[in-house]
N, C-alpha and C. Protein backbone atom coordinates (compact mmCIF):
# COMPACT_ATOMS: atom_id res chain seq x y z
N MET A 1 -21.91 -154.92 6.57
CA MET A 1 -22.56 -154.89 5.65
C MET A 1 -23.83 -154.04 4.98
N LYS A 2 -23.74 -153.64 4.09
CA LYS A 2 -24.64 -152.52 3.44
C LYS A 2 -26.01 -153.01 3.13
N ASP A 3 -26.78 -152.68 3.39
CA ASP A 3 -28.42 -153.06 3.10
C ASP A 3 -28.59 -152.74 1.47
N GLY A 4 -29.69 -153.56 1.03
CA GLY A 4 -29.84 -153.13 -0.31
C GLY A 4 -30.21 -151.44 -0.86
N LYS A 5 -30.80 -150.70 0.32
CA LYS A 5 -30.92 -149.36 0.02
C LYS A 5 -29.69 -148.76 -0.49
N GLN A 6 -28.74 -148.87 0.73
CA GLN A 6 -27.35 -148.27 0.74
C GLN A 6 -26.66 -148.67 -0.45
N VAL A 7 -26.70 -149.76 -1.20
CA VAL A 7 -26.16 -150.19 -2.47
C VAL A 7 -26.47 -149.54 -3.49
N THR A 8 -27.93 -149.64 -3.54
CA THR A 8 -28.57 -148.82 -4.74
C THR A 8 -28.05 -147.36 -4.66
N GLU A 9 -27.85 -146.81 -3.35
CA GLU A 9 -27.69 -145.47 -3.51
C GLU A 9 -26.51 -145.29 -3.71
N ILE A 10 -25.62 -146.22 -3.49
CA ILE A 10 -24.18 -146.03 -3.89
C ILE A 10 -23.88 -146.29 -5.46
N LEU A 11 -24.37 -147.50 -5.96
CA LEU A 11 -24.66 -147.83 -7.45
C LEU A 11 -25.17 -146.10 -8.39
N GLU A 12 -26.20 -145.74 -7.61
CA GLU A 12 -26.94 -144.63 -8.49
C GLU A 12 -25.60 -143.45 -8.29
N ALA A 13 -25.09 -143.35 -7.03
CA ALA A 13 -24.13 -142.26 -7.39
C ALA A 13 -22.93 -142.52 -8.25
N PHE A 14 -22.41 -143.39 -8.24
CA PHE A 14 -21.56 -144.08 -9.23
C PHE A 14 -22.09 -143.73 -10.65
N ASP A 15 -23.22 -144.15 -10.83
CA ASP A 15 -24.05 -143.88 -12.52
C ASP A 15 -23.92 -142.58 -12.86
N LEU A 16 -24.38 -141.55 -11.89
CA LEU A 16 -24.48 -140.25 -11.86
C LEU A 16 -23.15 -139.39 -11.99
N THR A 17 -22.18 -139.83 -11.36
CA THR A 17 -20.76 -139.17 -11.44
C THR A 17 -19.73 -139.74 -12.19
N GLY A 18 -19.65 -141.09 -12.06
CA GLY A 18 -18.72 -141.70 -13.08
C GLY A 18 -17.11 -141.92 -12.31
N SER A 19 -17.25 -141.53 -11.04
CA SER A 19 -16.07 -141.37 -10.51
C SER A 19 -16.26 -142.29 -8.82
N PHE A 20 -15.07 -143.02 -8.66
CA PHE A 20 -15.44 -143.91 -7.47
C PHE A 20 -15.40 -142.46 -6.21
N ARG A 21 -14.41 -141.74 -6.25
CA ARG A 21 -14.35 -140.53 -5.19
C ARG A 21 -15.46 -139.87 -5.15
N ALA A 22 -15.88 -139.42 -6.12
CA ALA A 22 -17.12 -138.29 -5.86
C ALA A 22 -18.35 -139.10 -5.74
N ALA A 23 -18.66 -140.23 -6.12
CA ALA A 23 -19.62 -141.41 -5.64
C ALA A 23 -19.63 -141.41 -4.29
N GLY A 24 -18.32 -141.95 -3.70
CA GLY A 24 -17.97 -142.05 -2.18
C GLY A 24 -18.75 -140.83 -1.42
N GLU A 25 -18.33 -139.99 -2.23
CA GLU A 25 -18.59 -138.40 -1.17
C GLU A 25 -20.38 -138.49 -1.10
N LEU A 26 -20.85 -138.45 -2.19
CA LEU A 26 -22.46 -138.38 -2.20
C LEU A 26 -23.30 -139.86 -1.47
N ALA A 27 -22.72 -140.88 -1.39
CA ALA A 27 -23.11 -141.74 -0.85
C ALA A 27 -22.63 -141.74 0.77
N GLY A 28 -21.79 -141.11 1.15
CA GLY A 28 -21.28 -141.32 2.43
C GLY A 28 -20.08 -142.68 2.68
N CYS A 29 -19.68 -142.97 2.09
CA CYS A 29 -18.88 -144.19 2.06
C CYS A 29 -17.37 -143.60 1.58
N SER A 30 -16.23 -144.94 1.95
CA SER A 30 -15.39 -144.78 0.72
C SER A 30 -15.34 -144.94 -0.38
N PRO A 31 -14.06 -144.34 -1.18
CA PRO A 31 -14.14 -144.96 -2.67
C PRO A 31 -14.10 -146.09 -2.84
N ASN A 32 -13.00 -147.02 -2.11
CA ASN A 32 -12.97 -148.49 -2.04
C ASN A 32 -14.37 -149.18 -2.15
N THR A 33 -15.42 -148.84 -1.20
CA THR A 33 -16.55 -149.28 -0.92
C THR A 33 -17.35 -149.43 -2.50
N VAL A 34 -17.36 -148.01 -2.84
CA VAL A 34 -17.83 -147.89 -4.01
C VAL A 34 -17.44 -149.05 -5.31
N ALA A 35 -16.06 -148.76 -5.13
CA ALA A 35 -15.06 -149.68 -6.30
C ALA A 35 -15.50 -151.16 -6.26
N ASP A 36 -15.58 -151.69 -4.78
CA ASP A 36 -16.41 -152.80 -4.66
C ASP A 36 -17.28 -153.26 -5.04
N TRP A 37 -18.42 -152.47 -4.62
CA TRP A 37 -19.72 -152.95 -5.12
C TRP A 37 -19.93 -152.63 -6.91
N VAL A 38 -19.22 -151.90 -7.17
CA VAL A 38 -19.55 -151.51 -8.73
C VAL A 38 -18.74 -152.90 -9.41
N ALA A 39 -17.64 -153.20 -8.96
CA ALA A 39 -17.18 -154.87 -9.44
C ALA A 39 -17.89 -155.65 -9.26
N LYS A 40 -19.13 -155.82 -8.10
CA LYS A 40 -19.82 -157.04 -7.78
C LYS A 40 -20.68 -156.93 -9.02
N ARG A 41 -21.38 -155.49 -9.07
CA ARG A 41 -22.28 -155.52 -10.25
C ARG A 41 -21.82 -155.72 -11.48
N ASP A 42 -20.68 -155.63 -12.07
CA ASP A 42 -20.12 -155.87 -13.06
C ASP A 42 -20.21 -157.29 -13.45
N ARG A 43 -19.56 -158.05 -12.31
CA ARG A 43 -19.59 -159.45 -12.23
C ARG A 43 -21.18 -160.14 -12.42
N GLY A 44 -21.87 -159.47 -11.85
CA GLY A 44 -23.28 -160.11 -11.79
C GLY A 44 -23.61 -160.91 -10.37
N GLU A 45 -22.86 -160.38 -9.55
CA GLU A 45 -22.93 -161.25 -8.11
C GLU A 45 -24.09 -160.34 -7.01
N LEU A 46 -24.59 -159.22 -7.48
CA LEU A 46 -25.52 -158.67 -6.73
C LEU A 46 -26.97 -159.17 -6.52
N GLY A 47 -27.80 -159.79 -7.77
CA GLY A 47 -28.73 -160.40 -7.62
C GLY A 47 -30.03 -159.34 -7.57
N ASP A 48 -30.72 -159.79 -7.03
CA ASP A 48 -32.04 -158.49 -6.53
C ASP A 48 -32.00 -158.50 -5.04
N LEU A 49 -31.64 -156.95 -5.06
CA LEU A 49 -31.25 -156.30 -3.57
C LEU A 49 -32.52 -155.85 -3.36
N ALA A 50 -33.38 -155.42 -4.00
CA ALA A 50 -34.53 -154.82 -3.18
C ALA A 50 -35.64 -155.70 -2.63
N GLU A 51 -35.74 -157.09 -2.82
CA GLU A 51 -36.69 -157.96 -2.34
C GLU A 51 -36.21 -159.20 -1.55
N PRO A 52 -36.32 -159.26 -0.31
CA PRO A 52 -35.66 -160.46 0.22
C PRO A 52 -36.23 -162.04 -0.51
N VAL A 53 -35.84 -162.83 -0.16
CA VAL A 53 -36.40 -164.07 -0.93
C VAL A 53 -37.43 -164.85 0.19
N HIS A 54 -38.55 -165.16 -0.23
CA HIS A 54 -39.50 -165.58 0.69
C HIS A 54 -39.58 -167.05 0.61
N ARG A 55 -39.25 -167.93 1.58
CA ARG A 55 -39.18 -169.38 1.38
C ARG A 55 -40.48 -169.83 2.14
N GLU A 56 -40.73 -170.95 1.75
CA GLU A 56 -41.92 -171.73 1.90
C GLU A 56 -41.82 -172.14 3.62
N ARG A 57 -42.55 -171.66 4.40
CA ARG A 57 -42.79 -172.35 5.69
C ARG A 57 -43.96 -173.59 5.94
N LEU A 58 -43.74 -174.25 7.22
CA LEU A 58 -44.60 -175.32 7.19
C LEU A 58 -45.92 -174.77 7.98
N LEU A 59 -45.57 -173.46 8.26
CA LEU A 59 -46.77 -172.87 8.68
C LEU A 59 -47.66 -171.90 7.73
N ASP A 60 -47.41 -171.72 6.44
CA ASP A 60 -48.10 -170.88 5.74
C ASP A 60 -49.37 -171.50 5.31
N GLU A 61 -49.75 -172.49 5.66
CA GLU A 61 -51.32 -173.05 5.33
C GLU A 61 -51.98 -173.17 6.44
N PHE A 62 -51.49 -172.54 7.76
CA PHE A 62 -52.24 -172.50 8.61
C PHE A 62 -52.37 -170.84 9.59
N LEU A 63 -51.77 -170.38 8.39
CA LEU A 63 -51.38 -168.50 8.78
C LEU A 63 -53.12 -167.84 8.79
N PRO A 64 -54.14 -168.34 7.76
CA PRO A 64 -55.19 -167.79 8.06
C PRO A 64 -55.93 -168.25 9.40
N LYS A 65 -55.82 -169.37 9.93
CA LYS A 65 -56.03 -169.74 11.11
C LYS A 65 -55.58 -169.27 12.28
N ILE A 66 -54.23 -168.77 12.32
CA ILE A 66 -53.45 -167.65 13.48
C ILE A 66 -54.41 -166.47 13.10
N GLU A 67 -54.76 -165.88 11.99
CA GLU A 67 -54.89 -164.69 11.76
C GLU A 67 -56.39 -164.51 12.28
N GLU A 68 -57.17 -165.54 12.35
CA GLU A 68 -58.52 -165.29 12.62
C GLU A 68 -58.73 -165.44 14.34
N TRP A 69 -57.61 -166.57 14.77
CA TRP A 69 -57.75 -166.50 16.35
C TRP A 69 -57.05 -165.05 16.90
N VAL A 70 -56.15 -164.32 16.25
CA VAL A 70 -55.61 -163.38 16.52
C VAL A 70 -56.74 -162.18 16.82
N ASP A 71 -57.64 -162.26 15.40
CA ASP A 71 -58.68 -161.05 15.26
C ASP A 71 -59.66 -161.53 16.24
N ARG A 72 -59.95 -162.81 16.54
CA ARG A 72 -61.46 -163.07 17.46
C ARG A 72 -61.24 -162.58 18.84
N SER A 73 -59.78 -163.28 19.22
CA SER A 73 -59.46 -162.57 20.64
C SER A 73 -59.06 -161.28 20.73
N GLN A 74 -58.94 -160.45 19.85
CA GLN A 74 -58.74 -158.93 19.89
C GLN A 74 -57.27 -158.80 19.90
N GLY A 75 -55.87 -159.62 19.83
CA GLY A 75 -54.80 -159.49 19.98
C GLY A 75 -54.38 -160.07 21.43
N LYS A 76 -55.22 -160.86 22.32
CA LYS A 76 -54.98 -161.21 23.51
C LYS A 76 -54.42 -162.74 23.77
N ILE A 77 -54.75 -163.49 22.67
CA ILE A 77 -54.11 -165.13 22.52
C ILE A 77 -52.49 -164.83 22.47
N ARG A 78 -52.48 -165.90 23.43
CA ARG A 78 -50.87 -166.13 23.11
C ARG A 78 -50.33 -167.36 22.40
N ALA A 79 -49.20 -166.97 21.91
CA ALA A 79 -48.48 -168.05 21.00
C ALA A 79 -48.49 -169.49 21.45
N ASP A 80 -48.31 -169.58 22.60
CA ASP A 80 -48.26 -171.17 23.11
C ASP A 80 -49.79 -171.60 23.08
N LYS A 81 -50.49 -170.73 23.32
CA LYS A 81 -51.98 -171.86 23.02
C LYS A 81 -52.13 -171.77 21.56
N CYS A 82 -51.81 -170.60 20.57
CA CYS A 82 -52.02 -171.01 19.51
C CYS A 82 -51.42 -172.01 18.87
N HIS A 83 -49.99 -172.66 19.23
CA HIS A 83 -49.15 -173.58 18.97
C HIS A 83 -50.01 -174.98 19.35
N GLU A 84 -50.59 -175.16 20.61
CA GLU A 84 -51.22 -175.87 21.14
C GLU A 84 -52.61 -176.53 20.28
N ARG A 85 -53.25 -175.58 19.67
CA ARG A 85 -54.38 -175.64 18.79
C ARG A 85 -53.57 -175.83 17.18
N LEU A 86 -52.84 -175.62 17.01
CA LEU A 86 -52.25 -176.10 15.54
C LEU A 86 -51.83 -177.42 15.58
N GLU A 87 -51.25 -177.66 16.91
CA GLU A 87 -50.81 -179.31 17.07
C GLU A 87 -51.92 -180.45 16.59
N THR A 88 -53.16 -179.69 17.24
CA THR A 88 -54.27 -180.70 17.03
C THR A 88 -54.82 -180.65 15.39
N LEU A 89 -54.39 -179.51 14.72
CA LEU A 89 -54.94 -179.24 13.37
C LEU A 89 -53.81 -180.36 12.60
N GLY A 90 -52.62 -180.51 13.16
CA GLY A 90 -51.68 -181.29 12.23
C GLY A 90 -50.52 -180.72 12.19
N TYR A 91 -50.14 -179.39 12.66
CA TYR A 91 -48.86 -178.68 12.38
C TYR A 91 -47.80 -179.36 13.13
N ALA A 92 -46.76 -179.53 12.42
CA ALA A 92 -45.62 -180.51 12.97
C ALA A 92 -44.12 -179.51 13.07
N GLY A 93 -44.55 -178.16 13.15
CA GLY A 93 -43.41 -177.27 13.06
C GLY A 93 -43.16 -176.90 14.73
N SER A 94 -41.93 -176.19 15.05
CA SER A 94 -41.80 -175.54 16.23
C SER A 94 -42.57 -174.52 16.67
N ASP A 95 -42.24 -174.54 18.12
CA ASP A 95 -43.18 -173.29 18.86
C ASP A 95 -42.51 -171.87 18.45
N ARG A 96 -41.15 -172.08 17.77
CA ARG A 96 -40.85 -170.67 17.67
C ARG A 96 -41.26 -170.16 16.74
N THR A 97 -41.14 -170.72 15.27
CA THR A 97 -42.00 -170.60 14.37
C THR A 97 -43.17 -169.72 14.71
N VAL A 98 -44.05 -170.45 15.57
CA VAL A 98 -45.36 -170.09 15.92
C VAL A 98 -45.48 -168.90 16.88
N ARG A 99 -44.28 -168.61 17.31
CA ARG A 99 -44.41 -167.29 17.98
C ARG A 99 -43.82 -166.29 17.42
N ARG A 100 -43.21 -166.51 16.36
CA ARG A 100 -42.90 -165.29 15.23
C ARG A 100 -43.81 -165.11 14.38
N ALA A 101 -44.80 -165.90 13.80
CA ALA A 101 -45.93 -165.59 13.24
C ALA A 101 -47.09 -165.18 13.77
N VAL A 102 -47.18 -165.38 15.20
CA VAL A 102 -48.39 -164.59 16.11
C VAL A 102 -47.93 -163.09 16.31
N ALA A 103 -46.78 -162.88 16.51
CA ALA A 103 -46.11 -161.60 16.63
C ALA A 103 -46.18 -160.90 15.18
N GLU A 104 -45.93 -161.30 14.32
CA GLU A 104 -46.30 -160.77 13.05
C GLU A 104 -47.68 -160.55 12.75
N VAL A 105 -48.61 -161.40 12.94
CA VAL A 105 -50.05 -161.19 12.66
C VAL A 105 -50.58 -159.91 13.85
N LYS A 106 -50.05 -160.23 15.16
CA LYS A 106 -50.45 -159.15 15.92
C LYS A 106 -50.06 -157.57 15.93
N ALA A 107 -48.70 -157.35 15.29
CA ALA A 107 -48.32 -156.29 14.90
C ALA A 107 -48.99 -155.69 13.71
N SER A 108 -49.63 -156.58 13.09
CA SER A 108 -50.47 -156.12 11.77
C SER A 108 -51.83 -155.75 12.15
N LEU A 109 -52.19 -156.12 13.19
CA LEU A 109 -53.64 -156.04 13.62
C LEU A 109 -53.21 -154.61 14.68
N ARG A 110 -52.36 -154.44 15.22
CA ARG A 110 -51.97 -153.17 15.80
C ARG A 110 -51.77 -151.85 15.06
N SER A 111 -51.09 -152.23 13.52
CA SER A 111 -50.99 -150.92 12.89
C SER A 111 -52.14 -150.65 12.39
N GLY A 112 -53.21 -151.32 12.11
CA GLY A 112 -54.73 -151.06 11.55
C GLY A 112 -55.41 -150.52 12.41
N ARG A 113 -54.95 -150.46 14.02
CA ARG A 113 -55.77 -149.74 14.82
C ARG A 113 -55.01 -148.82 15.50
N ARG A 114 -53.97 -148.25 14.85
CA ARG A 114 -53.23 -147.17 15.54
C ARG A 114 -54.14 -145.83 15.72
N ARG A 115 -53.78 -145.13 16.58
CA ARG A 115 -54.66 -144.14 16.98
C ARG A 115 -54.18 -143.02 15.79
N VAL A 116 -54.99 -142.07 15.29
CA VAL A 116 -54.64 -141.19 14.47
C VAL A 116 -54.86 -139.81 15.03
N TYR A 117 -53.86 -139.09 14.83
CA TYR A 117 -53.68 -137.66 15.69
C TYR A 117 -53.89 -136.64 14.51
N ARG A 118 -55.27 -135.95 14.86
CA ARG A 118 -55.69 -134.64 13.80
C ARG A 118 -55.46 -133.54 14.91
N PRO A 119 -55.18 -132.35 13.83
CA PRO A 119 -55.11 -131.19 14.93
C PRO A 119 -56.61 -130.72 15.18
N TRP A 120 -56.45 -130.08 16.64
CA TRP A 120 -58.02 -129.51 17.37
C TRP A 120 -58.41 -128.45 16.21
N ILE A 121 -59.73 -128.80 15.97
CA ILE A 121 -60.64 -127.99 15.15
C ILE A 121 -61.39 -127.43 16.00
N VAL A 122 -61.71 -125.92 16.12
CA VAL A 122 -62.48 -125.18 16.90
C VAL A 122 -63.98 -125.55 16.50
N GLU A 123 -65.14 -125.63 17.26
CA GLU A 123 -66.30 -125.78 16.95
C GLU A 123 -66.96 -124.88 16.57
N PRO A 124 -68.21 -124.62 15.79
CA PRO A 124 -68.72 -123.64 15.27
C PRO A 124 -69.20 -122.88 16.37
N GLY A 125 -68.98 -121.40 16.82
CA GLY A 125 -69.64 -120.80 18.15
C GLY A 125 -68.45 -120.83 19.24
N CYS A 126 -67.84 -121.74 19.09
CA CYS A 126 -66.71 -121.57 20.16
C CYS A 126 -65.56 -120.59 19.93
N LEU A 127 -65.06 -120.07 20.88
CA LEU A 127 -63.87 -119.22 20.58
C LEU A 127 -62.62 -119.83 21.35
N PRO A 128 -61.32 -119.46 20.55
CA PRO A 128 -59.79 -119.93 21.22
C PRO A 128 -59.76 -118.80 22.11
N GLU A 129 -58.84 -119.74 23.34
CA GLU A 129 -58.64 -119.23 24.60
C GLU A 129 -57.31 -119.12 24.81
N SER A 130 -56.68 -118.07 25.83
CA SER A 130 -55.20 -118.02 25.98
C SER A 130 -55.12 -118.94 27.35
N PRO A 131 -54.01 -119.23 27.68
CA PRO A 131 -53.94 -120.33 28.70
C PRO A 131 -54.13 -119.86 30.07
N ALA A 132 -54.51 -118.48 30.28
CA ALA A 132 -55.18 -118.04 31.26
C ALA A 132 -56.62 -118.38 31.40
N GLY A 133 -57.39 -118.58 30.32
CA GLY A 133 -58.81 -118.63 30.46
C GLY A 133 -59.31 -117.71 29.75
N LEU A 134 -58.72 -116.70 29.12
CA LEU A 134 -59.78 -115.52 28.82
C LEU A 134 -59.74 -115.52 26.94
N THR A 135 -60.43 -115.10 26.70
CA THR A 135 -60.90 -115.15 24.91
C THR A 135 -59.83 -114.10 24.43
N LEU A 136 -59.47 -114.77 23.57
CA LEU A 136 -58.17 -113.93 22.83
C LEU A 136 -58.45 -112.80 22.07
N HIS A 137 -59.87 -112.22 22.41
CA HIS A 137 -60.22 -110.74 21.58
C HIS A 137 -61.07 -110.26 22.41
N SER A 138 -60.67 -108.92 22.53
CA SER A 138 -61.60 -108.11 24.06
C SER A 138 -63.27 -108.06 23.29
N SER A 139 -63.23 -107.67 21.99
CA SER A 139 -64.78 -107.63 21.53
C SER A 139 -65.50 -108.93 21.57
N LEU A 140 -64.75 -110.18 21.95
CA LEU A 140 -65.63 -111.49 22.09
C LEU A 140 -65.79 -111.72 23.60
N ILE A 141 -65.88 -110.97 24.58
CA ILE A 141 -66.01 -111.46 25.88
C ILE A 141 -67.55 -111.61 25.98
N GLY A 142 -67.90 -112.45 26.83
CA GLY A 142 -69.22 -113.24 26.63
C GLY A 142 -69.75 -114.26 25.84
N ARG A 143 -68.99 -114.54 24.97
CA ARG A 143 -69.54 -115.79 23.99
C ARG A 143 -69.11 -116.91 25.04
N ARG A 144 -69.79 -117.80 24.24
CA ARG A 144 -69.49 -119.26 24.48
C ARG A 144 -68.02 -119.46 24.12
N ARG A 145 -67.78 -120.53 25.34
CA ARG A 145 -66.35 -121.09 25.31
C ARG A 145 -66.33 -122.48 25.02
N CYS A 146 -65.33 -123.20 24.33
CA CYS A 146 -65.30 -124.55 24.01
C CYS A 146 -64.56 -125.42 24.93
N ARG A 147 -64.00 -124.81 26.09
CA ARG A 147 -63.55 -125.57 27.21
C ARG A 147 -63.32 -124.92 28.48
N PRO A 148 -63.60 -125.33 29.81
CA PRO A 148 -63.72 -124.59 30.84
C PRO A 148 -62.11 -123.61 31.07
N PRO A 149 -62.13 -122.74 31.57
CA PRO A 149 -60.82 -121.91 31.72
C PRO A 149 -59.94 -122.47 32.60
N ALA A 150 -58.66 -122.13 32.57
CA ALA A 150 -57.53 -122.77 32.63
C ALA A 150 -57.72 -122.61 34.42
N ALA A 151 -56.98 -123.36 35.26
CA ALA A 151 -56.78 -123.18 36.53
C ALA A 151 -56.07 -121.80 36.70
N PRO A 152 -56.62 -120.95 37.71
CA PRO A 152 -55.83 -119.66 37.98
C PRO A 152 -54.51 -119.87 38.41
N ILE A 153 -53.53 -119.00 38.16
CA ILE A 153 -52.13 -118.89 38.34
C ILE A 153 -51.93 -118.78 40.13
N VAL A 154 -51.13 -119.71 40.45
CA VAL A 154 -51.35 -119.50 41.99
C VAL A 154 -50.32 -118.20 42.17
N GLY A 155 -50.18 -117.43 43.34
CA GLY A 155 -49.31 -116.62 43.52
C GLY A 155 -49.55 -115.09 43.10
N GLY A 156 -48.91 -114.30 42.30
CA GLY A 156 -49.09 -113.21 42.12
C GLY A 156 -47.93 -112.60 41.95
N PRO A 157 -48.09 -110.97 42.48
CA PRO A 157 -47.02 -110.36 42.57
C PRO A 157 -46.02 -110.60 43.72
N GLY A 158 -44.66 -111.02 43.76
CA GLY A 158 -44.01 -111.18 44.81
C GLY A 158 -44.34 -112.56 45.35
N GLY A 159 -45.10 -113.01 44.87
CA GLY A 159 -45.53 -114.77 45.41
C GLY A 159 -44.88 -115.81 44.48
N GLY A 160 -44.91 -117.07 45.13
CA GLY A 160 -43.90 -117.99 44.19
C GLY A 160 -45.26 -119.10 44.22
N ARG A 161 -45.07 -120.22 44.03
CA ARG A 161 -45.67 -121.39 43.37
C ARG A 161 -46.70 -121.62 45.03
N ASP A 162 -46.14 -120.93 46.07
CA ASP A 162 -46.85 -121.39 47.32
C ASP A 162 -48.21 -120.04 47.72
N GLY A 163 -47.78 -119.02 47.05
CA GLY A 163 -49.01 -118.10 46.77
C GLY A 163 -48.63 -116.73 47.50
N PRO A 164 -49.30 -115.56 47.47
CA PRO A 164 -48.78 -114.47 47.99
C PRO A 164 -47.82 -114.51 49.43
N LYS A 165 -46.83 -113.70 49.48
CA LYS A 165 -46.31 -113.60 50.75
C LYS A 165 -47.04 -112.67 51.72
N PRO A 166 -47.20 -113.00 53.03
CA PRO A 166 -47.61 -112.25 54.04
C PRO A 166 -47.49 -110.78 54.01
N GLU A 167 -48.15 -109.77 54.19
CA GLU A 167 -47.66 -108.39 54.36
C GLU A 167 -46.31 -108.35 55.24
N GLY A 168 -45.73 -107.12 54.82
CA GLY A 168 -44.51 -106.94 55.62
C GLY A 168 -43.18 -107.77 55.14
N GLN A 169 -43.61 -108.83 54.19
CA GLN A 169 -42.66 -109.56 53.76
C GLN A 169 -42.26 -109.83 52.17
N LEU A 170 -42.67 -108.54 51.58
CA LEU A 170 -42.42 -108.67 50.11
C LEU A 170 -41.50 -108.84 49.51
N GLY A 171 -40.00 -108.20 50.28
CA GLY A 171 -38.68 -108.03 50.02
C GLY A 171 -37.98 -108.92 50.97
N PRO A 172 -36.46 -108.91 50.61
CA PRO A 172 -35.45 -109.44 51.83
C PRO A 172 -35.81 -109.10 53.04
N PRO A 173 -35.69 -109.63 53.99
CA PRO A 173 -35.63 -109.18 55.33
C PRO A 173 -34.32 -107.98 55.75
N GLU A 174 -34.99 -107.05 56.16
CA GLU A 174 -34.26 -105.80 56.33
C GLU A 174 -33.17 -106.14 57.77
N LYS A 175 -32.03 -105.70 57.54
CA LYS A 175 -30.92 -105.99 58.50
C LYS A 175 -31.04 -104.89 59.80
N GLY A 176 -30.91 -105.11 61.08
CA GLY A 176 -30.64 -104.22 61.85
C GLY A 176 -29.80 -103.39 62.24
N PRO A 177 -29.67 -102.04 62.88
CA PRO A 177 -28.90 -101.03 62.98
C PRO A 177 -27.48 -101.77 63.85
């Protein structure tokens, strides 16, 4: 089953091209699918594809209270505790409905407190550095750095991550006569 966005893309492709085959290529489906959705639109069977129908729930009058509890507890309150409190206030619905509502409220609370990632901006007077902890321009040596230098690279010529090899072991072992 296609969702509303896909159906509107199919219908827009058909309106643009006027051909089932071309619309199918544009929308990424078969021409038979395009023909089916165009026929449904012409019969008036599509209705409103963009927005789902919102039905009234028993919980709707208690949502502000749930939002208050979730906000006051900083998202730590459990749904079963919300259900117990709502029953004392006169709620007669199921605990599953309360679990869904608490999950929605917690998700909206988290989305408002998401961490925003911003690029690092050098402070005035600080200089960018290379990974080895050196300033990037030789004329800037001695000026203030923004972070401590990176850890030195272990090893060196002929050495691996365990450090340089002792004298006499710089190459492969020599074979005897």
